[in-house]
Amino acid sequence: MSLAYVNPTFKGTIFENIKERGATIGGKFGKMVCDKSEILLHDMLAEYHISCGVIDGVEVDEEGNIISIYECGSGIHLGKKLDWDHFNKIFGKYVFSKEVWTDHLKRIIILAGDYDEEMLTSINNAKSLFTLKGIEIIILKTFKIKNKITVERII
């Protein structure tokens, strides 16, 4: 499948009036993220506060255990690449917090307009380590085709 536009902006699309929060908690956008991550939208909690910060979203099981964490890159509406601050939040700060680093954690999900090669290499290296613990890393990217934003899994 050929996808157009590197670093797609939301301008001229149904999502042109949303930013990072809308891509995190918006029902229509959130559904795209959940569909591509194979998680259940009705089990997602947005703006989830833990001891070391606020995770953009978590998926919880029936007992309230965190089974997935989700971080959306800043400037997603402008097609910006994932910044190192958001990368470090999810792979350094959040995942190893006492609330998240449990035997229940199954997925780490990141969404951005794009990623630089160094970051993708780091993510692939982290993926091999997290796989040993049974944790899947899912990397999502936005694309724009004929004024329609889509979310696709790239890792």
N, C-alpha and C. Protein backbone atom coordinates (compact mmCIF):
# COMPACT_ATOMS: atom_id res chain seq x y z
N MET A 1 0.84 -1.17 0.00
CA MET A 1 0.00 0.00 0.00
C MET A 1 0.89 1.23 0.00
N SER A 2 0.61 2.14 -0.86
CA SER A 2 1.38 3.37 -0.94
C SER A 2 0.65 4.46 -0.16
N LEU A 3 1.32 4.97 0.85
CA LEU A 3 0.73 6.01 1.67
C LEU A 3 1.43 7.33 1.40
N ALA A 4 0.65 8.38 1.30
CA ALA A 4 1.18 9.68 0.89
C ALA A 4 1.56 10.54 2.09
N TYR A 5 2.36 11.53 1.81
CA TYR A 5 2.72 12.60 2.72
C TYR A 5 3.49 12.16 3.96
N VAL A 6 4.75 12.48 3.95
CA VAL A 6 5.54 12.35 5.16
C VAL A 6 5.20 13.56 6.01
N ASN A 7 5.11 13.37 7.29
CA ASN A 7 4.76 14.44 8.23
C ASN A 7 3.42 15.10 7.86
N PRO A 8 2.34 14.33 7.83
CA PRO A 8 1.05 14.90 7.42
C PRO A 8 0.46 15.82 8.48
N THR A 9 -0.05 16.94 8.05
CA THR A 9 -0.78 17.81 8.96
C THR A 9 -2.25 17.43 8.91
N PHE A 10 -2.99 17.86 9.92
CA PHE A 10 -4.41 17.57 9.96
C PHE A 10 -5.23 18.61 9.18
N LYS A 11 -4.55 19.64 8.67
CA LYS A 11 -5.23 20.71 7.95
C LYS A 11 -6.00 20.14 6.75
N GLY A 12 -7.23 20.59 6.61
CA GLY A 12 -8.07 20.15 5.50
C GLY A 12 -8.72 18.79 5.72
N THR A 13 -8.64 18.29 6.96
CA THR A 13 -9.26 16.99 7.27
C THR A 13 -10.31 17.19 8.37
N ILE A 14 -11.05 16.16 8.64
CA ILE A 14 -12.05 16.21 9.72
C ILE A 14 -11.40 16.49 11.07
N PHE A 15 -10.10 16.19 11.19
CA PHE A 15 -9.38 16.36 12.46
C PHE A 15 -8.62 17.68 12.56
N GLU A 16 -8.85 18.64 11.66
CA GLU A 16 -8.03 19.85 11.63
C GLU A 16 -8.15 20.71 12.89
N ASN A 17 -9.16 20.50 13.69
CA ASN A 17 -9.33 21.31 14.90
C ASN A 17 -8.92 20.59 16.18
N ILE A 18 -8.22 19.45 16.05
CA ILE A 18 -7.75 18.77 17.25
C ILE A 18 -6.22 18.80 17.29
N LYS A 19 -5.71 18.58 18.48
CA LYS A 19 -4.27 18.51 18.68
C LYS A 19 -3.97 17.22 19.42
N GLU A 20 -2.89 17.21 20.21
CA GLU A 20 -2.47 15.99 20.90
C GLU A 20 -3.58 15.40 21.77
N ARG A 21 -4.27 16.21 22.55
CA ARG A 21 -5.32 15.69 23.43
C ARG A 21 -6.45 15.04 22.63
N GLY A 22 -6.82 15.65 21.53
CA GLY A 22 -7.87 15.07 20.68
C GLY A 22 -7.47 13.73 20.09
N ALA A 23 -6.17 13.60 19.78
CA ALA A 23 -5.68 12.32 19.25
C ALA A 23 -5.56 11.29 20.36
N THR A 24 -5.54 11.76 21.59
CA THR A 24 -5.44 10.86 22.73
C THR A 24 -6.83 10.42 23.19
N ILE A 25 -7.74 11.38 23.34
CA ILE A 25 -9.03 11.05 23.95
C ILE A 25 -10.21 11.13 23.00
N GLY A 26 -10.01 11.66 21.80
CA GLY A 26 -11.11 11.80 20.86
C GLY A 26 -11.66 10.44 20.43
N GLY A 27 -12.97 10.28 20.48
CA GLY A 27 -13.59 9.00 20.14
C GLY A 27 -13.27 8.51 18.75
N LYS A 28 -13.43 9.35 17.75
CA LYS A 28 -13.17 8.94 16.36
C LYS A 28 -11.69 8.64 16.14
N PHE A 29 -10.84 9.52 16.61
CA PHE A 29 -9.40 9.31 16.46
C PHE A 29 -8.94 8.17 17.36
N GLY A 30 -9.44 8.15 18.59
CA GLY A 30 -9.09 7.09 19.53
C GLY A 30 -9.45 5.71 19.00
N LYS A 31 -10.55 5.62 18.28
CA LYS A 31 -10.96 4.35 17.71
C LYS A 31 -9.95 3.87 16.67
N MET A 32 -9.42 4.79 15.86
CA MET A 32 -8.39 4.41 14.88
C MET A 32 -7.17 3.85 15.59
N VAL A 33 -6.75 4.53 16.66
CA VAL A 33 -5.58 4.09 17.42
C VAL A 33 -5.83 2.70 18.00
N CYS A 34 -6.99 2.52 18.61
CA CYS A 34 -7.32 1.23 19.22
C CYS A 34 -7.42 0.12 18.17
N ASP A 35 -8.04 0.41 17.05
CA ASP A 35 -8.16 -0.59 15.99
C ASP A 35 -6.79 -1.06 15.51
N LYS A 36 -5.87 -0.13 15.31
CA LYS A 36 -4.53 -0.48 14.81
C LYS A 36 -3.66 -1.12 15.89
N SER A 37 -4.03 -0.91 17.16
CA SER A 37 -3.27 -1.48 18.28
C SER A 37 -3.90 -2.78 18.79
N GLU A 38 -5.07 -3.10 18.27
CA GLU A 38 -5.83 -4.27 18.70
C GLU A 38 -6.14 -4.23 20.19
N ILE A 39 -6.52 -3.03 20.65
CA ILE A 39 -6.95 -2.86 22.03
C ILE A 39 -8.41 -2.40 22.02
N LEU A 40 -9.06 -2.49 23.15
CA LEU A 40 -10.47 -2.16 23.24
C LEU A 40 -10.67 -0.71 23.69
N LEU A 41 -11.34 0.06 22.86
CA LEU A 41 -11.57 1.47 23.17
C LEU A 41 -12.31 1.62 24.50
N HIS A 42 -13.26 0.76 24.78
CA HIS A 42 -14.02 0.91 26.03
C HIS A 42 -13.20 0.55 27.27
N ASP A 43 -11.99 0.02 27.09
CA ASP A 43 -11.10 -0.25 28.22
C ASP A 43 -9.99 0.79 28.36
N MET A 44 -10.04 1.85 27.54
CA MET A 44 -9.03 2.90 27.57
C MET A 44 -9.43 4.01 28.54
N LEU A 45 -8.45 4.46 29.31
CA LEU A 45 -8.62 5.61 30.19
C LEU A 45 -7.60 6.66 29.77
N ALA A 46 -8.07 7.88 29.51
CA ALA A 46 -7.19 8.94 29.04
C ALA A 46 -6.68 9.79 30.20
N GLU A 47 -5.51 10.42 29.97
CA GLU A 47 -4.93 11.34 30.96
C GLU A 47 -4.82 10.64 32.31
N TYR A 48 -4.16 9.49 32.32
CA TYR A 48 -4.09 8.62 33.50
C TYR A 48 -2.93 9.05 34.40
N HIS A 49 -3.25 9.49 35.59
CA HIS A 49 -2.26 10.00 36.54
C HIS A 49 -1.61 8.85 37.33
N ILE A 50 -0.28 8.84 37.32
CA ILE A 50 0.49 7.92 38.15
C ILE A 50 1.51 8.74 38.94
N SER A 51 2.28 8.10 39.78
CA SER A 51 3.19 8.82 40.68
C SER A 51 4.21 9.69 39.94
N CYS A 52 4.61 9.31 38.73
CA CYS A 52 5.67 10.06 38.04
C CYS A 52 5.17 10.88 36.86
N GLY A 53 3.86 11.01 36.69
CA GLY A 53 3.37 11.83 35.59
C GLY A 53 1.99 11.42 35.12
N VAL A 54 1.65 11.91 33.93
CA VAL A 54 0.33 11.64 33.35
C VAL A 54 0.53 10.93 32.01
N ILE A 55 0.08 9.68 31.95
CA ILE A 55 0.17 8.90 30.72
C ILE A 55 -1.00 9.32 29.83
N ASP A 56 -0.75 9.51 28.54
CA ASP A 56 -1.81 9.92 27.63
C ASP A 56 -2.99 8.96 27.68
N GLY A 57 -2.72 7.67 27.75
CA GLY A 57 -3.80 6.70 27.84
C GLY A 57 -3.31 5.37 28.36
N VAL A 58 -4.19 4.65 29.03
CA VAL A 58 -3.89 3.29 29.47
C VAL A 58 -5.09 2.43 29.13
N GLU A 59 -4.82 1.18 28.88
CA GLU A 59 -5.88 0.18 28.75
C GLU A 59 -5.84 -0.64 30.03
N VAL A 60 -6.99 -0.87 30.63
CA VAL A 60 -7.06 -1.64 31.87
C VAL A 60 -7.88 -2.90 31.66
N ASP A 61 -7.57 -3.92 32.46
CA ASP A 61 -8.35 -5.15 32.42
C ASP A 61 -9.54 -5.03 33.37
N GLU A 62 -10.29 -6.11 33.53
CA GLU A 62 -11.50 -6.10 34.36
C GLU A 62 -11.22 -5.74 35.81
N GLU A 63 -10.00 -6.03 36.30
CA GLU A 63 -9.65 -5.72 37.68
C GLU A 63 -9.01 -4.34 37.84
N GLY A 64 -8.87 -3.61 36.75
CA GLY A 64 -8.26 -2.29 36.81
C GLY A 64 -6.75 -2.27 36.67
N ASN A 65 -6.15 -3.42 36.33
CA ASN A 65 -4.71 -3.47 36.10
C ASN A 65 -4.37 -2.85 34.75
N ILE A 66 -3.29 -2.10 34.72
CA ILE A 66 -2.84 -1.51 33.46
C ILE A 66 -2.24 -2.61 32.59
N ILE A 67 -2.82 -2.78 31.39
CA ILE A 67 -2.30 -3.79 30.46
C ILE A 67 -1.66 -3.17 29.22
N SER A 68 -1.96 -1.90 28.96
CA SER A 68 -1.33 -1.18 27.85
C SER A 68 -1.12 0.26 28.25
N ILE A 69 -0.03 0.86 27.77
CA ILE A 69 0.18 2.30 27.94
C ILE A 69 0.33 2.91 26.55
N TYR A 70 -0.17 4.14 26.41
CA TYR A 70 -0.22 4.81 25.12
C TYR A 70 0.27 6.25 25.28
N GLU A 71 1.17 6.63 24.41
CA GLU A 71 1.68 8.00 24.41
C GLU A 71 1.57 8.56 23.00
N CYS A 72 1.05 9.77 22.89
CA CYS A 72 0.90 10.46 21.61
C CYS A 72 1.92 11.59 21.56
N GLY A 73 2.64 11.67 20.46
CA GLY A 73 3.65 12.70 20.30
C GLY A 73 3.06 14.09 20.22
N SER A 74 3.75 15.04 20.79
CA SER A 74 3.37 16.44 20.73
C SER A 74 3.45 16.92 19.28
N GLY A 75 2.51 17.76 18.89
CA GLY A 75 2.53 18.30 17.52
C GLY A 75 2.03 17.31 16.48
N ILE A 76 1.30 16.30 16.91
CA ILE A 76 0.77 15.30 15.97
C ILE A 76 -0.05 15.96 14.87
N HIS A 77 -0.79 17.01 15.24
CA HIS A 77 -1.65 17.70 14.27
C HIS A 77 -0.83 18.42 13.19
N LEU A 78 0.44 18.63 13.46
CA LEU A 78 1.35 19.25 12.49
C LEU A 78 2.21 18.21 11.79
N GLY A 79 1.99 16.94 12.10
CA GLY A 79 2.78 15.86 11.51
C GLY A 79 4.18 15.75 12.08
N LYS A 80 4.40 16.32 13.27
CA LYS A 80 5.75 16.33 13.85
C LYS A 80 6.23 14.94 14.21
N LYS A 81 7.55 14.79 14.11
CA LYS A 81 8.19 13.55 14.55
C LYS A 81 8.08 13.43 16.06
N LEU A 82 8.11 12.20 16.55
CA LEU A 82 8.13 11.98 17.98
C LEU A 82 9.38 12.65 18.56
N ASP A 83 9.19 13.42 19.59
CA ASP A 83 10.33 14.09 20.23
C ASP A 83 10.90 13.19 21.31
N TRP A 84 12.15 13.45 21.68
CA TRP A 84 12.83 12.62 22.67
C TRP A 84 12.18 12.72 24.04
N ASP A 85 11.54 13.84 24.33
CA ASP A 85 10.86 13.99 25.61
C ASP A 85 9.75 12.94 25.75
N HIS A 86 8.91 12.81 24.74
CA HIS A 86 7.84 11.82 24.79
C HIS A 86 8.39 10.40 24.72
N PHE A 87 9.44 10.19 23.95
CA PHE A 87 10.09 8.89 23.89
C PHE A 87 10.58 8.48 25.28
N ASN A 88 11.27 9.41 25.95
CA ASN A 88 11.81 9.13 27.28
C ASN A 88 10.72 8.97 28.33
N LYS A 89 9.61 9.68 28.16
CA LYS A 89 8.50 9.52 29.10
C LYS A 89 8.01 8.08 29.08
N ILE A 90 7.76 7.57 27.90
CA ILE A 90 7.14 6.24 27.83
C ILE A 90 8.14 5.11 28.07
N PHE A 91 9.37 5.24 27.51
CA PHE A 91 10.34 4.15 27.64
C PHE A 91 11.23 4.26 28.88
N GLY A 92 11.23 5.40 29.53
CA GLY A 92 12.07 5.56 30.71
C GLY A 92 11.28 5.77 31.97
N LYS A 93 10.36 6.68 31.92
CA LYS A 93 9.65 7.11 33.11
C LYS A 93 8.42 6.24 33.40
N TYR A 94 7.49 6.18 32.46
CA TYR A 94 6.21 5.54 32.71
C TYR A 94 6.30 4.02 32.82
N VAL A 95 6.96 3.39 31.86
CA VAL A 95 6.94 1.93 31.82
C VAL A 95 7.56 1.30 33.06
N PHE A 96 8.54 1.96 33.65
CA PHE A 96 9.21 1.39 34.82
C PHE A 96 8.66 1.90 36.15
N SER A 97 7.56 2.64 36.10
CA SER A 97 6.93 3.10 37.34
C SER A 97 6.28 1.92 38.06
N LYS A 98 6.08 2.07 39.36
CA LYS A 98 5.50 0.97 40.16
C LYS A 98 4.09 0.64 39.72
N GLU A 99 3.36 1.60 39.17
CA GLU A 99 1.99 1.36 38.73
C GLU A 99 1.91 0.61 37.40
N VAL A 100 2.94 0.73 36.58
CA VAL A 100 2.90 0.16 35.23
C VAL A 100 3.71 -1.12 35.12
N TRP A 101 4.91 -1.14 35.68
CA TRP A 101 5.81 -2.29 35.52
C TRP A 101 5.34 -3.45 36.40
N THR A 102 4.38 -4.19 35.89
CA THR A 102 3.82 -5.35 36.59
C THR A 102 3.72 -6.50 35.60
N ASP A 103 3.34 -7.65 36.11
CA ASP A 103 3.15 -8.80 35.24
C ASP A 103 1.92 -8.66 34.34
N HIS A 104 1.12 -7.62 34.56
CA HIS A 104 -0.08 -7.39 33.75
C HIS A 104 0.22 -6.66 32.45
N LEU A 105 1.31 -5.88 32.40
CA LEU A 105 1.60 -5.05 31.23
C LEU A 105 1.86 -5.91 30.01
N LYS A 106 1.14 -5.61 28.92
CA LYS A 106 1.25 -6.38 27.68
C LYS A 106 1.66 -5.55 26.47
N ARG A 107 1.39 -4.21 26.50
CA ARG A 107 1.65 -3.38 25.32
C ARG A 107 2.15 -1.99 25.68
N ILE A 108 3.05 -1.50 24.83
CA ILE A 108 3.48 -0.10 24.85
C ILE A 108 3.15 0.43 23.47
N ILE A 109 2.36 1.50 23.41
CA ILE A 109 1.89 2.03 22.14
C ILE A 109 2.31 3.49 22.02
N ILE A 110 2.86 3.84 20.87
CA ILE A 110 3.25 5.23 20.61
C ILE A 110 2.66 5.64 19.26
N LEU A 111 2.19 6.88 19.21
CA LEU A 111 1.67 7.46 17.97
C LEU A 111 2.37 8.79 17.73
N ALA A 112 2.82 9.00 16.50
CA ALA A 112 3.41 10.29 16.11
C ALA A 112 3.20 10.50 14.61
N GLY A 113 3.45 11.71 14.17
CA GLY A 113 3.37 12.03 12.75
C GLY A 113 4.50 11.40 11.96
N ASP A 114 5.61 11.14 12.64
CA ASP A 114 6.77 10.50 11.99
C ASP A 114 7.80 10.21 13.08
N TYR A 115 8.89 9.56 12.69
CA TYR A 115 9.96 9.18 13.61
C TYR A 115 11.28 9.34 12.88
N ASP A 116 12.33 9.74 13.59
CA ASP A 116 13.64 9.78 12.93
C ASP A 116 14.28 8.40 13.03
N GLU A 117 15.27 8.15 12.19
CA GLU A 117 15.90 6.83 12.09
C GLU A 117 16.56 6.40 13.40
N GLU A 118 17.21 7.33 14.08
CA GLU A 118 17.85 7.00 15.35
C GLU A 118 16.83 6.49 16.37
N MET A 119 15.68 7.13 16.39
CA MET A 119 14.62 6.74 17.32
C MET A 119 14.05 5.37 16.94
N LEU A 120 13.85 5.14 15.66
CA LEU A 120 13.34 3.83 15.22
C LEU A 120 14.33 2.72 15.56
N THR A 121 15.61 3.00 15.44
CA THR A 121 16.62 2.02 15.84
C THR A 121 16.53 1.74 17.33
N SER A 122 16.38 2.78 18.14
CA SER A 122 16.24 2.62 19.59
C SER A 122 14.99 1.82 19.92
N ILE A 123 13.90 2.11 19.23
CA ILE A 123 12.65 1.40 19.48
C ILE A 123 12.81 -0.08 19.13
N ASN A 124 13.43 -0.37 18.00
CA ASN A 124 13.64 -1.77 17.62
C ASN A 124 14.54 -2.50 18.61
N ASN A 125 15.55 -1.81 19.13
CA ASN A 125 16.40 -2.41 20.16
C ASN A 125 15.60 -2.67 21.43
N ALA A 126 14.78 -1.71 21.82
CA ALA A 126 13.94 -1.88 23.01
C ALA A 126 12.94 -3.01 22.80
N LYS A 127 12.43 -3.10 21.59
CA LYS A 127 11.45 -4.15 21.27
C LYS A 127 12.01 -5.54 21.58
N SER A 128 13.25 -5.78 21.20
CA SER A 128 13.84 -7.10 21.44
C SER A 128 13.94 -7.40 22.94
N LEU A 129 14.20 -6.39 23.74
CA LEU A 129 14.27 -6.58 25.19
C LEU A 129 12.89 -6.76 25.82
N PHE A 130 11.95 -5.91 25.45
CA PHE A 130 10.61 -6.01 26.03
C PHE A 130 9.91 -7.30 25.62
N THR A 131 10.21 -7.82 24.44
CA THR A 131 9.63 -9.08 23.99
C THR A 131 9.98 -10.21 24.95
N LEU A 132 11.18 -10.17 25.52
CA LEU A 132 11.58 -11.19 26.49
C LEU A 132 10.67 -11.20 27.72
N LYS A 133 10.10 -10.06 28.03
CA LYS A 133 9.19 -9.92 29.18
C LYS A 133 7.73 -10.14 28.76
N GLY A 134 7.51 -10.38 27.46
CA GLY A 134 6.14 -10.59 26.97
C GLY A 134 5.38 -9.31 26.71
N ILE A 135 6.12 -8.22 26.50
CA ILE A 135 5.50 -6.91 26.25
C ILE A 135 5.70 -6.55 24.78
N GLU A 136 4.60 -6.25 24.12
CA GLU A 136 4.63 -5.89 22.70
C GLU A 136 4.79 -4.38 22.56
N ILE A 137 5.62 -3.95 21.63
CA ILE A 137 5.75 -2.53 21.31
C ILE A 137 5.04 -2.29 19.99
N ILE A 138 4.14 -1.32 20.00
CA ILE A 138 3.36 -0.98 18.80
C ILE A 138 3.64 0.47 18.46
N ILE A 139 4.16 0.70 17.28
CA ILE A 139 4.48 2.06 16.82
C ILE A 139 3.52 2.43 15.70
N LEU A 140 2.79 3.52 15.93
CA LEU A 140 1.80 4.00 14.98
C LEU A 140 2.23 5.34 14.39
N LYS A 141 1.83 5.56 13.15
CA LYS A 141 2.18 6.79 12.45
C LYS A 141 0.94 7.28 11.71
N THR A 142 0.79 8.60 11.63
CA THR A 142 -0.31 9.16 10.86
C THR A 142 0.11 9.32 9.40
N PHE A 143 -0.86 9.13 8.53
CA PHE A 143 -0.70 9.35 7.10
C PHE A 143 -1.88 10.17 6.62
N LYS A 144 -1.69 10.86 5.51
CA LYS A 144 -2.77 11.66 4.94
C LYS A 144 -2.91 11.31 3.47
N ILE A 145 -4.09 10.87 3.12
CA ILE A 145 -4.39 10.52 1.74
C ILE A 145 -5.67 11.25 1.35
N LYS A 146 -5.54 12.14 0.36
CA LYS A 146 -6.71 12.90 -0.12
C LYS A 146 -7.52 13.50 1.02
N ASN A 147 -6.86 14.27 1.84
CA ASN A 147 -7.49 14.98 2.97
C ASN A 147 -8.16 14.05 3.98
N LYS A 148 -7.65 12.84 4.08
CA LYS A 148 -8.14 11.91 5.09
C LYS A 148 -6.94 11.40 5.90
N ILE A 149 -7.02 11.58 7.20
CA ILE A 149 -5.97 11.10 8.09
C ILE A 149 -6.25 9.64 8.43
N THR A 150 -5.21 8.83 8.36
CA THR A 150 -5.30 7.45 8.79
C THR A 150 -4.16 7.18 9.77
N VAL A 151 -4.32 6.16 10.54
CA VAL A 151 -3.30 5.71 11.47
C VAL A 151 -2.88 4.32 11.03
N GLU A 152 -1.57 4.12 10.88
CA GLU A 152 -1.07 2.81 10.44
C GLU A 152 0.01 2.36 11.40
N ARG A 153 0.09 1.08 11.56
CA ARG A 153 1.14 0.48 12.38
C ARG A 153 2.39 0.31 11.52
N ILE A 154 3.52 0.85 12.01
CA ILE A 154 4.78 0.70 11.27
C ILE A 154 5.73 -0.26 11.96
N ILE A 155 5.52 -0.53 13.23
CA ILE A 155 6.29 -1.54 13.97
C ILE A 155 5.30 -2.27 14.85
